C-alpha atoms as a PDB file:
ATOM      1  CA  MET A   1     114.747 184.367 104.182  1.00  0.00           C
ATOM      2  CA  GLY A   2     116.187 184.239 107.690  1.00  0.00           C
ATOM      3  CA  TRP A   3     112.861 183.218 109.197  1.00  0.00           C
ATOM      4  CA  TYR A   4     112.453 180.465 106.627  1.00  0.00           C
ATOM      5  CA  TYR A   5     115.811 178.874 107.429  1.00  0.00           C
ATOM      6  CA  TYR A   6     115.332 179.273 111.184  1.00  0.00           C
ATOM      7  CA  LEU A   7     111.938 177.548 111.077  1.00  0.00           C
ATOM      8  CA  ASP A   8     113.075 174.867 108.638  1.00  0.00           C
ATOM      9  CA  ASP A   9     115.997 174.055 110.940  1.00  0.00           C
ATOM     10  CA  LYS A  10     113.999 174.019 114.200  1.00  0.00           C
ATOM     11  CA  ILE A  11     110.694 172.380 113.206  1.00  0.00           C
ATOM     12  CA  SER A  12     110.545 168.574 113.240  1.00  0.00           C
ATOM     13  CA  PHE A  13     108.043 167.077 110.817  1.00  0.00           C
ATOM     14  CA  PRO A  14     105.529 165.528 110.703  1.00  0.00           C
ATOM     15  CA  PHE A  15     103.271 166.663 113.534  1.00  0.00           C
ATOM     16  CA  ASN A  16      99.577 167.185 114.101  1.00  0.00           C
ATOM     17  CA  ALA A  17      98.105 170.640 114.479  1.00  0.00           C
ATOM     18  CA  VAL A  18      94.792 172.402 114.785  1.00  0.00           C
ATOM     19  CA  CYS A  19      93.655 175.324 112.677  1.00  0.00           C
ATOM     20  CA  ILE A  20      93.386 178.369 114.962  1.00  0.00           C
ATOM     21  CA  SER A  21      92.364 180.968 112.375  1.00  0.00           C
ATOM     22  CA  LYS A  22      90.440 180.736 109.134  1.00  0.00           C
ATOM     23  CA  ASP A  23      92.339 181.679 106.005  1.00  0.00           C
ATOM     24  CA  LYS A  24      90.237 182.130 102.880  1.00  0.00           C
ATOM     25  CA  ARG A  25      93.114 180.905 100.706  1.00  0.00           C
ATOM     26  CA  VAL A  26      92.722 177.323 101.976  1.00  0.00           C
ATOM     27  CA  PRO A  27      89.611 175.196 102.640  1.00  0.00           C
ATOM     28  CA  VAL A  28      90.651 174.075 106.139  1.00  0.00           C
ATOM     29  CA  GLU A  29      88.042 174.941 108.754  1.00  0.00           C
ATOM     30  CA  LEU A  30      88.596 176.570 112.130  1.00  0.00           C
ATOM     31  CA  ASN A  31      89.430 173.929 114.806  1.00  0.00           C
ATOM     32  CA  GLU A  32      90.048 171.265 112.154  1.00  0.00           C
ATOM     33  CA  GLN A  33      93.006 168.972 112.847  1.00  0.00           C
ATOM     34  CA  VAL A  34      95.625 168.524 110.146  1.00  0.00           C
ATOM     35  CA  SER A  35      98.905 166.693 109.639  1.00  0.00           C
ATOM     36  CA  VAL A  36     101.787 169.079 108.958  1.00  0.00           C
ATOM     37  CA  VAL A  37     104.358 167.403 106.717  1.00  0.00           C
ATOM     38  CA  GLN A  38     107.010 170.016 105.826  1.00  0.00           C
ATOM     39  CA  MET A  39     107.857 173.646 105.234  1.00  0.00           C
ATOM     40  CA  SER A  40     106.423 174.886 101.967  1.00  0.00           C
ATOM     41  CA  GLY A  41     108.980 175.769  99.319  1.00  0.00           C
ATOM     42  CA  GLU A  42     110.954 178.985  99.609  1.00  0.00           C
ATOM     43  CA  ASP A  43     108.916 180.500  96.759  1.00  0.00           C
ATOM     44  CA  TYR A  44     105.771 180.241  98.916  1.00  0.00           C
ATOM     45  CA  CYS A  45     107.483 181.920 101.848  1.00  0.00           C
ATOM     46  CA  GLU A  46     108.698 185.188 100.380  1.00  0.00           C
ATOM     47  CA  HIS A  47     106.021 187.257 102.186  1.00  0.00           C
ATOM     48  CA  ASP A  48     104.710 184.877 104.863  1.00  0.00           C
ATOM     49  CA  MET A  49     105.668 181.497 106.311  1.00  0.00           C
ATOM     50  CA  PHE A  50     103.712 178.496 104.996  1.00  0.00           C
ATOM     51  CA  VAL A  51     103.772 174.809 105.845  1.00  0.00           C
ATOM     52  CA  ASP A  52     102.447 171.932 103.771  1.00  0.00           C
ATOM     53  CA  ILE A  53      99.641 169.874 105.241  1.00  0.00           C
ATOM     54  CA  SER A  54      98.087 166.617 104.195  1.00  0.00           C
ATOM     55  CA  TRP A  55      94.369 167.290 103.762  1.00  0.00           C
ATOM     56  CA  ASN A  56      91.764 165.010 102.136  1.00  0.00           C
ATOM     57  CA  GLY A  57      94.407 163.201 100.093  1.00  0.00           C
ATOM     58  CA  LYS A  58      95.972 166.455  98.873  1.00  0.00           C
ATOM     59  CA  THR A  59      98.952 168.547  99.920  1.00  0.00           C
ATOM     60  CA  LEU A  60      98.063 172.164 100.681  1.00  0.00           C
ATOM     61  CA  ALA A  61     100.131 175.132 101.820  1.00  0.00           C
ATOM     62  CA  ILE A  62      98.705 176.917 104.869  1.00  0.00           C
ATOM     63  CA  PRO A  63     100.057 179.943 106.753  1.00  0.00           C
ATOM     64  CA  LEU A  64     102.094 178.851 109.762  1.00  0.00           C
ATOM     65  CA  ALA A  65     100.322 181.512 111.838  1.00  0.00           C
ATOM     66  CA  SER A  66      97.031 179.665 111.180  1.00  0.00           C
ATOM     67  CA  ILE A  67      97.971 176.507 113.066  1.00  0.00           C
ATOM     68  CA  LYS A  68      98.791 175.418 116.597  1.00  0.00           C
ATOM     69  CA  PRO A  69     100.868 172.262 117.077  1.00  0.00           C
ATOM     70  CA  LEU A  70      99.253 169.486 119.097  1.00  0.00           C
ATOM     71  CA  ASP A  71     101.924 166.816 119.440  1.00  0.00           C
ATOM     72  CA  ALA A  72     105.123 168.521 118.318  1.00  0.00           C
ATOM     73  CA  ASP A  73     108.384 168.383 120.243  1.00  0.00           C
ATOM     74  CA  ALA A  74     109.498 171.298 122.432  1.00  0.00           C
ATOM     75  CA  GLU A  75     111.847 172.815 119.837  1.00  0.00           C
ATOM     76  CA  THR A  76     109.091 172.787 117.203  1.00  0.00           C
ATOM     77  CA  GLN A  77     106.603 174.379 119.595  1.00  0.00           C
ATOM     78  CA  GLU A  78     109.114 177.067 120.518  1.00  0.00           C
ATOM     79  CA  ALA A  79     109.914 177.908 116.881  1.00  0.00           C
ATOM     80  CA  ILE A  80     106.239 178.125 115.930  1.00  0.00           C
ATOM     81  CA  GLY A  81     105.596 180.195 119.060  1.00  0.00           C
ATOM     82  CA  ASP A  82     108.371 182.568 117.983  1.00  0.00           C
ATOM     83  CA  TRP A  83     106.706 183.006 114.583  1.00  0.00           C
ATOM     84  CA  HIS A  84     103.260 183.550 116.158  1.00  0.00           C
ATOM     85  CA  TYR A  85     104.745 186.194 118.467  1.00  0.00           C
ATOM     86  CA  TRP A  86     106.452 187.986 115.562  1.00  0.00           C
ATOM     87  CA  VAL A  87     103.223 188.033 113.530  1.00  0.00           C
ATOM     88  CA  LYS A  88     101.061 189.179 116.472  1.00  0.00           C
ATOM     89  CA  ARG A  89     103.400 192.129 116.968  1.00  0.00           C
ATOM     90  CA  GLY A  90     102.358 193.307 113.503  1.00  0.00           C
ATOM     91  CA  ASN A  91     105.641 192.556 111.777  1.00  0.00           C
ATOM     92  CA  ILE A  92     105.628 191.846 108.044  1.00  0.00           C
ATOM     93  CA  PHE A  93     108.234 191.202 105.379  1.00  0.00           C
END
């Protein structure tokens, strides 16, 4: 759970983001903008990192690797960039 606590500590919520990859587990479309409100619970993040988004009046969990921050602070952008880098290198839990 090291990644979870690192990201939870470094990411400042809320922020706006854009969906950069389609994930069939959630109905968010590619290039759709969303409001990211918090890290998903630890139970959602045992095998991947998820964040909760506000979408059409609902709260959904979406993979962190599926979004790109638009208006987040530098520390948030760096932490999400670290996660994206780790995932792109083919690392898994």
